Amino acid sequence: MIEVTELRVGEYKVPVPLGLSELLKDCWVKNRAIPKIVQEYQSITIRRDGQLITILSKKR
């Protein structure tokens, strides 16, 4: 299961909305097709302190 533990916008921490992890799990597991809006972002996944972190940057 995907669990969102932290959100950041630049260097600013943003509170994780209640239910976000469940929303992400349900939308990508069942539909398997990549939503059009996701194609507008570049995704980079890194490992930091034993955790996987995905950084989304909007393509120009």
Protein backbone atom coordinates (compact mmCIF):
# COMPACT_ATOMS: atom_id res chain seq x y z
CA MET A 1 0.00 0.00 0.00
CA ILE A 2 1.12 3.55 -0.70
CA GLU A 3 1.36 5.67 2.44
CA VAL A 4 1.95 9.41 2.09
CA THR A 5 3.87 10.52 5.16
CA GLU A 6 5.08 13.97 4.12
CA LEU A 7 4.38 16.61 1.47
CA ARG A 8 6.68 19.47 0.53
CA VAL A 9 6.33 22.40 -1.83
CA GLY A 10 9.89 23.49 -2.37
CA GLU A 11 11.35 23.60 1.11
CA TYR A 12 7.98 24.11 2.84
CA LYS A 13 6.23 21.23 4.59
CA VAL A 14 2.54 20.88 3.75
CA PRO A 15 0.13 18.87 5.95
CA VAL A 16 -0.88 15.54 4.41
CA PRO A 17 -4.68 15.58 3.88
CA LEU A 18 -6.54 12.82 5.69
CA GLY A 19 -7.34 9.98 3.27
CA LEU A 20 -4.74 10.93 0.62
CA SER A 21 -2.97 7.58 0.84
CA GLU A 22 -6.23 5.70 0.30
CA LEU A 23 -7.18 7.96 -2.62
CA LEU A 24 -3.87 7.33 -4.39
CA LYS A 25 -4.06 3.58 -3.75
CA ASP A 26 -7.56 3.32 -5.18
CA CYS A 27 -7.06 5.47 -8.27
CA TRP A 28 -3.84 3.90 -9.60
CA VAL A 29 -4.33 0.27 -8.64
CA LYS A 30 -7.76 -0.11 -10.24
CA ASN A 31 -7.35 2.03 -13.36
CA ARG A 32 -3.80 1.07 -14.41
CA ALA A 33 -3.95 3.78 -17.11
CA ILE A 34 -1.86 6.85 -16.36
CA PRO A 35 -4.15 9.88 -15.93
CA LYS A 36 -3.50 12.68 -18.42
CA ILE A 37 -2.56 15.16 -15.70
CA VAL A 38 0.19 12.83 -14.45
CA GLN A 39 1.80 12.96 -17.92
CA GLU A 40 2.31 16.72 -17.41
CA TYR A 41 4.79 16.06 -14.59
CA GLN A 42 8.30 14.62 -14.45
CA SER A 43 8.67 12.06 -11.69
CA ILE A 44 11.96 11.34 -9.90
CA THR A 45 12.13 8.71 -7.16
CA ILE A 46 15.07 8.75 -4.74
CA ARG A 47 15.97 6.86 -1.58
CA ARG A 48 16.66 9.07 1.45
CA ASP A 49 17.21 7.76 4.97
CA GLY A 50 15.76 4.36 4.03
CA GLN A 51 12.57 5.82 2.53
CA LEU A 52 11.52 6.19 -1.10
CA ILE A 53 10.68 9.77 -2.01
CA THR A 54 8.94 10.79 -5.25
CA ILE A 55 9.51 14.32 -6.49
CA LEU A 56 7.01 15.65 -9.04
CA SER A 57 8.01 18.63 -11.19
CA LYS A 58 5.68 20.17 -13.77
CA LYS A 59 7.12 19.95 -17.29
CA ARG A 60 7.58 23.23 -19.13
